[in-house]
Amino acid sequence: VYLQMNSLKPEDTALYYCAATLSAPYHDWSWVRGEYDYWG
C-alpha cells in the first residue's frame, strides 16, 4: 500500500505507519478510526 504526499507542510511532520484490518465492513467507512489487527 502507498501514500503519495504532495504539497507537504510542516504540520505534516510525524511518524507515519500503516495498519491492516480484517473486520472492515464493505458498505461504509465507519471502521477507519477503530481497531486494527496489525501495525507497522
PDB file of all heavy atoms in Angstrom:
ATOM      1  N   VAL A   1       0.858  -1.175   0.000  1.00  0.00           N
ATOM      2  CA  VAL A   1       0.000   0.000   0.000  1.00  0.00           C
ATOM      3  C   VAL A   1       0.899   1.231   0.000  1.00  0.00           C
ATOM      4  O   VAL A   1       1.985   1.216   0.595  1.00  0.00           O
ATOM      5  CB  VAL A   1      -0.975  -0.008   1.197  1.00  0.00           C
ATOM      6  CG1 VAL A   1      -0.231   0.033   2.519  1.00  0.00           C
ATOM      7  CG2 VAL A   1      -1.970   1.142   1.091  1.00  0.00           C
ATOM      8  N   TYR A   2       0.459   2.296  -0.673  1.00  0.00           N
ATOM      9  CA  TYR A   2       1.253   3.502  -0.841  1.00  0.00           C
ATOM     10  C   TYR A   2       0.517   4.719  -0.292  1.00  0.00           C
ATOM     11  O   TYR A   2      -0.707   4.744  -0.211  1.00  0.00           O
ATOM     12  CB  TYR A   2       1.550   3.754  -2.321  1.00  0.00           C
ATOM     13  CG  TYR A   2       2.220   2.608  -3.024  1.00  0.00           C
ATOM     14  CD1 TYR A   2       1.471   1.675  -3.732  1.00  0.00           C
ATOM     15  CD2 TYR A   2       3.594   2.457  -2.990  1.00  0.00           C
ATOM     16  CE1 TYR A   2       2.075   0.616  -4.382  1.00  0.00           C
ATOM     17  CE2 TYR A   2       4.210   1.403  -3.636  1.00  0.00           C
ATOM     18  CZ  TYR A   2       3.445   0.480  -4.334  1.00  0.00           C
ATOM     19  OH  TYR A   2       4.055  -0.566  -4.977  1.00  0.00           O
ATOM     20  N   LEU A   3       1.286   5.739   0.046  1.00  0.00           N
ATOM     21  CA  LEU A   3       0.730   7.042   0.371  1.00  0.00           C
ATOM     22  C   LEU A   3       1.557   8.093  -0.354  1.00  0.00           C
ATOM     23  O   LEU A   3       2.699   8.360   0.034  1.00  0.00           O
ATOM     24  CB  LEU A   3       0.736   7.303   1.880  1.00  0.00           C
ATOM     25  CG  LEU A   3       0.046   8.598   2.315  1.00  0.00           C
ATOM     26  CD1 LEU A   3      -1.464   8.514   2.063  1.00  0.00           C
ATOM     27  CD2 LEU A   3       0.322   8.905   3.782  1.00  0.00           C
ATOM     28  N   GLN A   4       0.994   8.656  -1.420  1.00  0.00           N
ATOM     29  CA  GLN A   4       1.634   9.742  -2.145  1.00  0.00           C
ATOM     30  C   GLN A   4       1.286  11.048  -1.457  1.00  0.00           C
ATOM     31  O   GLN A   4       0.108  11.382  -1.321  1.00  0.00           O
ATOM     32  CB  GLN A   4       1.165   9.767  -3.599  1.00  0.00           C
ATOM     33  CG  GLN A   4       1.744  10.906  -4.423  1.00  0.00           C
ATOM     34  CD  GLN A   4       3.224  10.780  -4.641  1.00  0.00           C
ATOM     35  OE1 GLN A   4       3.706   9.710  -4.984  1.00  0.00           O
ATOM     36  NE2 GLN A   4       3.954  11.863  -4.431  1.00  0.00           N
ATOM     37  N   MET A   5       2.286  11.800  -1.030  1.00  0.00           N
ATOM     38  CA  MET A   5       2.095  13.030  -0.284  1.00  0.00           C
ATOM     39  C   MET A   5       2.675  14.187  -1.083  1.00  0.00           C
ATOM     40  O   MET A   5       3.880  14.237  -1.332  1.00  0.00           O
ATOM     41  CB  MET A   5       2.756  12.945   1.089  1.00  0.00           C
ATOM     42  CG  MET A   5       2.292  11.756   1.919  1.00  0.00           C
ATOM     43  SD  MET A   5       3.015  11.756   3.583  1.00  0.00           S
ATOM     44  CE  MET A   5       4.743  11.537   3.147  1.00  0.00           C
ATOM     45  N   ASN A   6       1.816  15.113  -1.488  1.00  0.00           N
ATOM     46  CA  ASN A   6       2.222  16.297  -2.231  1.00  0.00           C
ATOM     47  C   ASN A   6       1.925  17.548  -1.426  1.00  0.00           C
ATOM     48  O   ASN A   6       1.161  17.522  -0.469  1.00  0.00           O
ATOM     49  CB  ASN A   6       1.488  16.359  -3.573  1.00  0.00           C
ATOM     50  CG  ASN A   6       1.773  15.188  -4.469  1.00  0.00           C
ATOM     51  OD1 ASN A   6       2.875  14.638  -4.465  1.00  0.00           O
ATOM     52  ND2 ASN A   6       0.779  14.798  -5.265  1.00  0.00           N
ATOM     53  N   SER A   7       2.524  18.663  -1.841  1.00  0.00           N
ATOM     54  CA  SER A   7       2.307  19.953  -1.184  1.00  0.00           C
ATOM     55  C   SER A   7       2.474  19.853   0.323  1.00  0.00           C
ATOM     56  O   SER A   7       1.649  20.337   1.100  1.00  0.00           O
ATOM     57  CB  SER A   7       0.916  20.497  -1.530  1.00  0.00           C
ATOM     58  OG  SER A   7       0.765  20.650  -2.926  1.00  0.00           O
ATOM     59  N   LEU A   8       3.558  19.246   0.740  1.00  0.00           N
ATOM     60  CA  LEU A   8       3.768  18.974   2.156  1.00  0.00           C
ATOM     61  C   LEU A   8       3.957  20.256   2.958  1.00  0.00           C
ATOM     62  O   LEU A   8       4.540  21.231   2.481  1.00  0.00           O
ATOM     63  CB  LEU A   8       4.965  18.052   2.341  1.00  0.00           C
ATOM     64  CG  LEU A   8       4.676  16.584   2.027  1.00  0.00           C
ATOM     65  CD1 LEU A   8       5.966  15.821   1.806  1.00  0.00           C
ATOM     66  CD2 LEU A   8       3.858  15.955   3.151  1.00  0.00           C
ATOM     67  N   LYS A   9       3.456  20.224   4.185  1.00  0.00           N
ATOM     68  CA  LYS A   9       3.517  21.338   5.117  1.00  0.00           C
ATOM     69  C   LYS A   9       4.253  20.909   6.377  1.00  0.00           C
ATOM     70  O   LYS A   9       4.291  19.724   6.700  1.00  0.00           O
ATOM     71  CB  LYS A   9       2.099  21.791   5.495  1.00  0.00           C
ATOM     72  CG  LYS A   9       1.198  22.125   4.323  1.00  0.00           C
ATOM     73  CD  LYS A   9      -0.223  22.397   4.798  1.00  0.00           C
ATOM     74  CE  LYS A   9      -1.144  22.698   3.635  1.00  0.00           C
ATOM     75  NZ  LYS A   9      -2.539  22.946   4.098  1.00  0.00           N
ATOM     76  N   PRO A  10       4.825  21.858   7.126  1.00  0.00           N
ATOM     77  CA  PRO A  10       5.483  21.479   8.383  1.00  0.00           C
ATOM     78  C   PRO A  10       4.580  20.698   9.333  1.00  0.00           C
ATOM     79  O   PRO A  10       5.070  19.820  10.050  1.00  0.00           O
ATOM     80  CB  PRO A  10       5.897  22.827   8.978  1.00  0.00           C
ATOM     81  CG  PRO A  10       6.113  23.695   7.789  1.00  0.00           C
ATOM     82  CD  PRO A  10       5.048  23.274   6.804  1.00  0.00           C
ATOM     83  N   GLU A  11       3.297  20.984   9.343  1.00  0.00           N
ATOM     84  CA  GLU A  11       2.385  20.272  10.212  1.00  0.00           C
ATOM     85  C   GLU A  11       2.150  18.822   9.804  1.00  0.00           C
ATOM     86  O   GLU A  11       1.508  18.067  10.536  1.00  0.00           O
ATOM     87  CB  GLU A  11       1.039  21.008  10.331  1.00  0.00           C
ATOM     88  CG  GLU A  11       0.434  21.400   8.996  1.00  0.00           C
ATOM     89  CD  GLU A  11       0.726  22.843   8.620  1.00  0.00           C
ATOM     90  OE1 GLU A  11       1.889  23.271   8.734  1.00  0.00           O
ATOM     91  OE2 GLU A  11      -0.216  23.556   8.215  1.00  0.00           O
ATOM     92  N   ASP A  12       2.667  18.411   8.641  1.00  0.00           N
ATOM     93  CA  ASP A  12       2.632  17.007   8.248  1.00  0.00           C
ATOM     94  C   ASP A  12       3.757  16.198   8.884  1.00  0.00           C
ATOM     95  O   ASP A  12       3.783  14.971   8.748  1.00  0.00           O
ATOM     96  CB  ASP A  12       2.728  16.867   6.729  1.00  0.00           C
ATOM     97  CG  ASP A  12       1.531  17.465   6.011  1.00  0.00           C
ATOM     98  OD1 ASP A  12       0.387  17.262   6.476  1.00  0.00           O
ATOM     99  OD2 ASP A  12       1.741  18.131   4.973  1.00  0.00           O
ATOM    100  N   THR A  13       4.687  16.859   9.548  1.00  0.00           N
ATOM    101  CA  THR A  13       5.804  16.174  10.189  1.00  0.00           C
ATOM    102  C   THR A  13       5.294  15.214  11.255  1.00  0.00           C
ATOM    103  O   THR A  13       4.567  15.606  12.169  1.00  0.00           O
ATOM    104  CB  THR A  13       6.767  17.184  10.808  1.00  0.00           C
ATOM    105  OG1 THR A  13       7.356  17.978   9.774  1.00  0.00           O
ATOM    106  CG2 THR A  13       7.876  16.484  11.589  1.00  0.00           C
ATOM    107  N   ALA A  14       5.665  13.937  11.132  1.00  0.00           N
ATOM    108  CA  ALA A  14       5.184  12.909  12.051  1.00  0.00           C
ATOM    109  C   ALA A  14       5.827  11.576  11.703  1.00  0.00           C
ATOM    110  O   ALA A  14       6.461  11.424  10.655  1.00  0.00           O
ATOM    111  CB  ALA A  14       3.663  12.774  11.972  1.00  0.00           C
ATOM    112  N   LEU A  15       5.646  10.613  12.586  1.00  0.00           N
ATOM    113  CA  LEU A  15       5.920   9.222  12.273  1.00  0.00           C
ATOM    114  C   LEU A  15       4.680   8.648  11.601  1.00  0.00           C
ATOM    115  O   LEU A  15       3.588   8.676  12.180  1.00  0.00           O
ATOM    116  CB  LEU A  15       6.247   8.443  13.539  1.00  0.00           C
ATOM    117  CG  LEU A  15       6.599   6.972  13.350  1.00  0.00           C
ATOM    118  CD1 LEU A  15       7.933   6.829  12.619  1.00  0.00           C
ATOM    119  CD2 LEU A  15       6.659   6.253  14.693  1.00  0.00           C
ATOM    120  N   TYR A  16       4.840   8.151  10.386  1.00  0.00           N
ATOM    121  CA  TYR A  16       3.735   7.591   9.620  1.00  0.00           C
ATOM    122  C   TYR A  16       3.801   6.073   9.655  1.00  0.00           C
ATOM    123  O   TYR A  16       4.861   5.491   9.413  1.00  0.00           O
ATOM    124  CB  TYR A  16       3.802   8.059   8.166  1.00  0.00           C
ATOM    125  CG  TYR A  16       3.351   9.492   7.958  1.00  0.00           C
ATOM    126  CD1 TYR A  16       4.133  10.555   8.404  1.00  0.00           C
ATOM    127  CD2 TYR A  16       2.151   9.779   7.321  1.00  0.00           C
ATOM    128  CE1 TYR A  16       3.722  11.863   8.226  1.00  0.00           C
ATOM    129  CE2 TYR A  16       1.740  11.085   7.132  1.00  0.00           C
ATOM    130  CZ  TYR A  16       2.520  12.121   7.584  1.00  0.00           C
ATOM    131  OH  TYR A  16       2.109  13.431   7.396  1.00  0.00           O
ATOM    132  N   TYR A  17       2.683   5.443   9.937  1.00  0.00           N
ATOM    133  CA  TYR A  17       2.660   3.991   9.948  1.00  0.00           C
ATOM    134  C   TYR A  17       1.370   3.459   9.338  1.00  0.00           C
ATOM    135  O   TYR A  17       0.343   4.132   9.315  1.00  0.00           O
ATOM    136  CB  TYR A  17       2.879   3.436  11.360  1.00  0.00           C
ATOM    137  CG  TYR A  17       2.057   4.073  12.455  1.00  0.00           C
ATOM    138  CD1 TYR A  17       0.876   3.489  12.882  1.00  0.00           C
ATOM    139  CD2 TYR A  17       2.477   5.243  13.085  1.00  0.00           C
ATOM    140  CE1 TYR A  17       0.124   4.054  13.892  1.00  0.00           C
ATOM    141  CE2 TYR A  17       1.727   5.820  14.100  1.00  0.00           C
ATOM    142  CZ  TYR A  17       0.555   5.219  14.499  1.00  0.00           C
ATOM    143  OH  TYR A  17      -0.190   5.787  15.512  1.00  0.00           O
ATOM    144  N   CYS A  18       1.449   2.245   8.838  1.00  0.00           N
ATOM    145  CA  CYS A  18       0.295   1.636   8.201  1.00  0.00           C
ATOM    146  C   CYS A  18      -0.316   0.584   9.112  1.00  0.00           C
ATOM    147  O   CYS A  18       0.317   0.089  10.051  1.00  0.00           O
ATOM    148  CB  CYS A  18       0.657   1.039   6.835  1.00  0.00           C
ATOM    149  SG  CYS A  18       1.842  -0.319   6.867  1.00  0.00           S
ATOM    150  N   ALA A  19      -1.555   0.249   8.829  1.00  0.00           N
ATOM    151  CA  ALA A  19      -2.298  -0.704   9.630  1.00  0.00           C
ATOM    152  C   ALA A  19      -3.232  -1.505   8.736  1.00  0.00           C
ATOM    153  O   ALA A  19      -3.653  -1.035   7.674  1.00  0.00           O
ATOM    154  CB  ALA A  19      -3.095   0.021  10.718  1.00  0.00           C
ATOM    155  N   ALA A  20      -3.571  -2.710   9.185  1.00  0.00           N
ATOM    156  CA  ALA A  20      -4.414  -3.625   8.426  1.00  0.00           C
ATOM    157  C   ALA A  20      -5.535  -4.150   9.296  1.00  0.00           C
ATOM    158  O   ALA A  20      -5.345  -4.401  10.488  1.00  0.00           O
ATOM    159  CB  ALA A  20      -3.582  -4.794   7.894  1.00  0.00           C
ATOM    160  N   THR A  21      -6.699  -4.337   8.701  1.00  0.00           N
ATOM    161  CA  THR A  21      -7.830  -4.898   9.429  1.00  0.00           C
ATOM    162  C   THR A  21      -8.609  -5.868   8.557  1.00  0.00           C
ATOM    163  O   THR A  21      -8.833  -5.616   7.369  1.00  0.00           O
ATOM    164  CB  THR A  21      -8.767  -3.801   9.959  1.00  0.00           C
ATOM    165  OG1 THR A  21      -9.877  -4.408  10.637  1.00  0.00           O
ATOM    166  CG2 THR A  21      -9.292  -2.904   8.847  1.00  0.00           C
ATOM    167  N   LEU A  22      -9.031  -6.971   9.160  1.00  0.00           N
ATOM    168  CA  LEU A  22      -9.901  -7.941   8.501  1.00  0.00           C
ATOM    169  C   LEU A  22     -11.370  -7.590   8.626  1.00  0.00           C
ATOM    170  O   LEU A  22     -12.186  -8.051   7.824  1.00  0.00           O
ATOM    171  CB  LEU A  22      -9.693  -9.333   9.098  1.00  0.00           C
ATOM    172  CG  LEU A  22      -8.477 -10.140   8.677  1.00  0.00           C
ATOM    173  CD1 LEU A  22      -8.362 -11.372   9.565  1.00  0.00           C
ATOM    174  CD2 LEU A  22      -8.595 -10.543   7.219  1.00  0.00           C
ATOM    175  N   SER A  23     -11.716  -6.794   9.621  1.00  0.00           N
ATOM    176  CA  SER A  23     -13.108  -6.641  10.026  1.00  0.00           C
ATOM    177  C   SER A  23     -13.831  -5.456   9.404  1.00  0.00           C
ATOM    178  O   SER A  23     -14.970  -5.174   9.777  1.00  0.00           O
ATOM    179  CB  SER A  23     -13.204  -6.550  11.549  1.00  0.00           C
ATOM    180  OG  SER A  23     -12.460  -5.452  12.035  1.00  0.00           O
ATOM    181  N   ALA A  24     -13.214  -4.748   8.489  1.00  0.00           N
ATOM    182  CA  ALA A  24     -13.849  -3.586   7.880  1.00  0.00           C
ATOM    183  C   ALA A  24     -15.094  -4.001   7.112  1.00  0.00           C
ATOM    184  O   ALA A  24     -15.024  -4.875   6.248  1.00  0.00           O
ATOM    185  CB  ALA A  24     -12.882  -2.878   6.944  1.00  0.00           C
ATOM    186  N   PRO A  25     -16.232  -3.377   7.401  1.00  0.00           N
ATOM    187  CA  PRO A  25     -17.415  -3.655   6.587  1.00  0.00           C
ATOM    188  C   PRO A  25     -17.235  -3.108   5.186  1.00  0.00           C
ATOM    189  O   PRO A  25     -16.410  -2.218   4.937  1.00  0.00           O
ATOM    190  CB  PRO A  25     -18.540  -2.936   7.342  1.00  0.00           C
ATOM    191  CG  PRO A  25     -17.849  -1.841   8.088  1.00  0.00           C
ATOM    192  CD  PRO A  25     -16.501  -2.393   8.458  1.00  0.00           C
ATOM    193  N   TYR A  26     -18.023  -3.615   4.271  1.00  0.00           N
ATOM    194  CA  TYR A  26     -17.893  -3.235   2.866  1.00  0.00           C
ATOM    195  C   TYR A  26     -18.723  -2.032   2.474  1.00  0.00           C
ATOM    196  O   TYR A  26     -18.508  -1.469   1.401  1.00  0.00           O
ATOM    197  CB  TYR A  26     -18.269  -4.414   1.975  1.00  0.00           C
ATOM    198  CG  TYR A  26     -17.240  -5.506   1.934  1.00  0.00           C
ATOM    199  CD1 TYR A  26     -17.137  -6.449   2.944  1.00  0.00           C
ATOM    200  CD2 TYR A  26     -16.354  -5.593   0.855  1.00  0.00           C
ATOM    201  CE1 TYR A  26     -16.183  -7.445   2.904  1.00  0.00           C
ATOM    202  CE2 TYR A  26     -15.403  -6.601   0.805  1.00  0.00           C
ATOM    203  CZ  TYR A  26     -15.327  -7.521   1.841  1.00  0.00           C
ATOM    204  OH  TYR A  26     -14.378  -8.519   1.781  1.00  0.00           O
ATOM    205  N   HIS A  27     -19.667  -1.627   3.327  1.00  0.00           N
ATOM    206  CA  HIS A  27     -20.660  -0.641   2.911  1.00  0.00           C
ATOM    207  C   HIS A  27     -20.390   0.783   3.353  1.00  0.00           C
ATOM    208  O   HIS A  27     -21.057   1.701   2.865  1.00  0.00           O
ATOM    209  CB  HIS A  27     -22.048  -1.061   3.419  1.00  0.00           C
ATOM    210  CG  HIS A  27     -22.156  -1.121   4.904  1.00  0.00           C
ATOM    211  ND1 HIS A  27     -21.649  -2.155   5.653  1.00  0.00           N
ATOM    212  CD2 HIS A  27     -22.724  -0.249   5.788  1.00  0.00           C
ATOM    213  CE1 HIS A  27     -21.887  -1.932   6.928  1.00  0.00           C
ATOM    214  NE2 HIS A  27     -22.548  -0.792   7.037  1.00  0.00           N
ATOM    215  N   ASP A  28     -19.447   1.013   4.261  1.00  0.00           N
ATOM    216  CA  ASP A  28     -19.179   2.371   4.716  1.00  0.00           C
ATOM    217  C   ASP A  28     -17.736   2.496   5.209  1.00  0.00           C
ATOM    218  O   ASP A  28     -16.951   1.553   5.119  1.00  0.00           O
ATOM    219  CB  ASP A  28     -20.181   2.812   5.794  1.00  0.00           C
ATOM    220  CG  ASP A  28     -20.124   1.970   7.060  1.00  0.00           C
ATOM    221  OD1 ASP A  28     -19.106   1.294   7.310  1.00  0.00           O
ATOM    222  OD2 ASP A  28     -21.114   1.998   7.818  1.00  0.00           O
ATOM    223  N   TRP A  29     -17.395   3.687   5.739  1.00  0.00           N
ATOM    224  CA  TRP A  29     -16.060   3.972   6.249  1.00  0.00           C
ATOM    225  C   TRP A  29     -16.024   4.096   7.765  1.00  0.00           C
ATOM    226  O   TRP A  29     -15.102   4.685   8.322  1.00  0.00           O
ATOM    227  CB  TRP A  29     -15.509   5.263   5.625  1.00  0.00           C
ATOM    228  CG  TRP A  29     -15.324   5.159   4.149  1.00  0.00           C
ATOM    229  CD1 TRP A  29     -16.140   5.662   3.182  1.00  0.00           C
ATOM    230  CD2 TRP A  29     -14.253   4.499   3.480  1.00  0.00           C
ATOM    231  NE1 TRP A  29     -15.632   5.366   1.941  1.00  0.00           N
ATOM    232  CE2 TRP A  29     -14.482   4.650   2.095  1.00  0.00           C
ATOM    233  CE3 TRP A  29     -13.130   3.804   3.908  1.00  0.00           C
ATOM    234  CZ2 TRP A  29     -13.620   4.126   1.133  1.00  0.00           C
ATOM    235  CZ3 TRP A  29     -12.268   3.272   2.963  1.00  0.00           C
ATOM    236  CH2 TRP A  29     -12.514   3.443   1.588  1.00  0.00           C
ATOM    237  N   SER A  30     -17.017   3.544   8.441  1.00  0.00           N
ATOM    238  CA  SER A  30     -17.116   3.673   9.887  1.00  0.00           C
ATOM    239  C   SER A  30     -15.960   3.019  10.635  1.00  0.00           C
ATOM    240  O   SER A  30     -15.705   3.342  11.794  1.00  0.00           O
ATOM    241  CB  SER A  30     -18.449   3.099  10.381  1.00  0.00           C
ATOM    242  OG  SER A  30     -18.534   1.712  10.094  1.00  0.00           O
ATOM    243  N   TRP A  31     -15.239   2.132   9.988  1.00  0.00           N
ATOM    244  CA  TRP A  31     -14.190   1.362  10.632  1.00  0.00           C
ATOM    245  C   TRP A  31     -12.842   2.081  10.728  1.00  0.00           C
ATOM    246  O   TRP A  31     -11.959   1.632  11.465  1.00  0.00           O
ATOM    247  CB  TRP A  31     -13.966   0.055   9.854  1.00  0.00           C
ATOM    248  CG  TRP A  31     -13.684   0.269   8.389  1.00  0.00           C
ATOM    249  CD1 TRP A  31     -14.602   0.401   7.388  1.00  0.00           C
ATOM    250  CD2 TRP A  31     -12.408   0.401   7.776  1.00  0.00           C
ATOM    251  NE1 TRP A  31     -13.978   0.591   6.183  1.00  0.00           N
ATOM    252  CE2 TRP A  31     -12.621   0.597   6.389  1.00  0.00           C
ATOM    253  CE3 TRP A  31     -11.096   0.365   8.257  1.00  0.00           C
ATOM    254  CZ2 TRP A  31     -11.580   0.762   5.480  1.00  0.00           C
ATOM    255  CZ3 TRP A  31     -10.051   0.526   7.357  1.00  0.00           C
ATOM    256  CH2 TRP A  31     -10.303   0.713   5.984  1.00  0.00           C
ATOM    257  N   VAL A  32     -12.668   3.176   9.979  1.00  0.00           N
ATOM    258  CA  VAL A  32     -11.307   3.684   9.742  1.00  0.00           C
ATOM    259  C   VAL A  32     -10.607   4.183  11.001  1.00  0.00           C
ATOM    260  O   VAL A  32      -9.370   4.118  11.081  1.00  0.00           O
ATOM    261  CB  VAL A  32     -11.290   4.783   8.661  1.00  0.00           C
ATOM    262  CG1 VAL A  32     -11.869   4.252   7.345  1.00  0.00           C
ATOM    263  CG2 VAL A  32     -12.046   6.032   9.108  1.00  0.00           C
ATOM    264  N   ARG A  33     -11.355   4.674  11.978  1.00  0.00           N
ATOM    265  CA  ARG A  33     -10.746   5.167  13.217  1.00  0.00           C
ATOM    266  C   ARG A  33     -10.920   4.186  14.369  1.00  0.00           C
ATOM    267  O   ARG A  33     -10.699   4.541  15.528  1.00  0.00           O
ATOM    268  CB  ARG A  33     -11.312   6.546  13.577  1.00  0.00           C
ATOM    269  CG  ARG A  33     -10.911   7.634  12.583  1.00  0.00           C
ATOM    270  CD  ARG A  33     -11.533   8.982  12.915  1.00  0.00           C
ATOM    271  NE  ARG A  33     -11.034  10.028  12.030  1.00  0.00           N
ATOM    272  CZ  ARG A  33     -11.565  10.321  10.848  1.00  0.00           C
ATOM    273  NH1 ARG A  33     -12.628   9.650  10.405  1.00  0.00           N
ATOM    274  NH2 ARG A  33     -11.040  11.289  10.097  1.00  0.00           N
ATOM    275  N   GLY A  34     -11.285   2.947  14.053  1.00  0.00           N
ATOM    276  CA  GLY A  34     -11.451   1.909  15.040  1.00  0.00           C
ATOM    277  C   GLY A  34     -10.205   1.055  15.207  1.00  0.00           C
ATOM    278  O   GLY A  34      -9.081   1.499  14.957  1.00  0.00           O
ATOM    279  N   GLU A  35     -10.398  -0.180  15.640  1.00  0.00           N
ATOM    280  CA  GLU A  35      -9.280  -1.068  15.923  1.00  0.00           C
ATOM    281  C   GLU A  35      -8.757  -1.744  14.661  1.00  0.00           C
ATOM    282  O   GLU A  35      -9.509  -2.003  13.719  1.00  0.00           O
ATOM    283  CB  GLU A  35      -9.700  -2.120  16.945  1.00  0.00           C
ATOM    284  CG  GLU A  35     -10.049  -1.535  18.306  1.00  0.00           C
ATOM    285  CD  GLU A  35     -10.349  -2.592  19.340  1.00  0.00           C
ATOM    286  OE1 GLU A  35     -10.267  -3.793  19.012  1.00  0.00           O
ATOM    287  OE2 GLU A  35     -10.658  -2.226  20.479  1.00  0.00           O
ATOM    288  N   TYR A  36      -7.465  -2.052  14.662  1.00  0.00           N
ATOM    289  CA  TYR A  36      -6.803  -2.741  13.562  1.00  0.00           C
ATOM    290  C   TYR A  36      -6.113  -3.995  14.078  1.00  0.00           C
ATOM    291  O   TYR A  36      -5.747  -4.088  15.248  1.00  0.00           O
ATOM    292  CB  TYR A  36      -5.793  -1.812  12.880  1.00  0.00           C
ATOM    293  CG  TYR A  36      -6.456  -0.737  12.061  1.00  0.00           C
ATOM    294  CD1 TYR A  36      -7.042   0.365  12.670  1.00  0.00           C
ATOM    295  CD2 TYR A  36      -6.511  -0.828  10.673  1.00  0.00           C
ATOM    296  CE1 TYR A  36      -7.677   1.346  11.923  1.00  0.00           C
ATOM    297  CE2 TYR A  36      -7.132   0.148   9.917  1.00  0.00           C
ATOM    298  CZ  TYR A  36      -7.714   1.229  10.545  1.00  0.00           C
ATOM    299  OH  TYR A  36      -8.336   2.202   9.794  1.00  0.00           O
ATOM    300  N   ASP A  37      -5.914  -4.949  13.184  1.00  0.00           N
ATOM    301  CA  ASP A  37      -5.317  -6.223  13.551  1.00  0.00           C
ATOM    302  C   ASP A  37      -3.796  -6.193  13.550  1.00  0.00           C
ATOM    303  O   ASP A  37      -3.157  -6.896  14.343  1.00  0.00           O
ATOM    304  CB  ASP A  37      -5.808  -7.320  12.601  1.00  0.00           C
ATOM    305  CG  ASP A  37      -7.305  -7.516  12.680  1.00  0.00           C
ATOM    306  OD1 ASP A  37      -7.797  -7.864  13.768  1.00  0.00           O
ATOM    307  OD2 ASP A  37      -7.990  -7.322  11.641  1.00  0.00           O
ATOM    308  N   TYR A  38      -3.191  -5.397  12.670  1.00  0.00           N
ATOM    309  CA  TYR A  38      -1.744  -5.341  12.528  1.00  0.00           C
ATOM    310  C   TYR A  38      -1.291  -3.920  12.283  1.00  0.00           C
ATOM    311  O   TYR A  38      -1.984  -3.140  11.618  1.00  0.00           O
ATOM    312  CB  TYR A  38      -1.267  -6.229  11.372  1.00  0.00           C
ATOM    313  CG  TYR A  38      -1.653  -7.674  11.526  1.00  0.00           C
ATOM    314  CD1 TYR A  38      -2.763  -8.188  10.876  1.00  0.00           C
ATOM    315  CD2 TYR A  38      -0.904  -8.517  12.339  1.00  0.00           C
ATOM    316  CE1 TYR A  38      -3.130  -9.509  11.027  1.00  0.00           C
ATOM    317  CE2 TYR A  38      -1.265  -9.844  12.498  1.00  0.00           C
ATOM    318  CZ  TYR A  38      -2.379 -10.332  11.841  1.00  0.00           C
ATOM    319  OH  TYR A  38      -2.744 -11.643  11.995  1.00  0.00           O
ATOM    320  N   TRP A  39      -0.102  -3.594  12.810  1.00  0.00           N
ATOM    321  CA  TRP A  39       0.516  -2.280  12.669  1.00  0.00           C
ATOM    322  C   TRP A  39       1.973  -2.417  12.265  1.00  0.00           C
ATOM    323  O   TRP A  39       2.663  -3.338  12.707  1.00  0.00           O
ATOM    324  CB  TRP A  39       0.461  -1.490  13.976  1.00  0.00           C
ATOM    325  CG  TRP A  39      -0.913  -1.127  14.433  1.00  0.00           C
ATOM    326  CD1 TRP A  39      -1.765  -1.903  15.165  1.00  0.00           C
ATOM    327  CD2 TRP A  39      -1.591   0.106  14.204  1.00  0.00           C
ATOM    328  NE1 TRP A  39      -2.935  -1.221  15.402  1.00  0.00           N
ATOM    329  CE2 TRP A  39      -2.852   0.013  14.826  1.00  0.00           C
ATOM    330  CE3 TRP A  39      -1.249   1.287  13.537  1.00  0.00           C
ATOM    331  CZ2 TRP A  39      -3.784   1.060  14.796  1.00  0.00           C
ATOM    332  CZ3 TRP A  39      -2.173   2.324  13.509  1.00  0.00           C
ATOM    333  CH2 TRP A  39      -3.421   2.202  14.134  1.00  0.00           C
ATOM    334  N   GLY A  40       2.447  -1.495  11.440  1.00  0.00           N
ATOM    335  CA  GLY A  40       3.863  -1.392  11.173  1.00  0.00           C
ATOM    336  C   GLY A  40       4.560  -0.575  12.243  1.00  0.00           C
ATOM    337  O   GLY A  40       3.929  -0.043  13.168  1.00  0.00           O
TER     338      GLY A  40
END
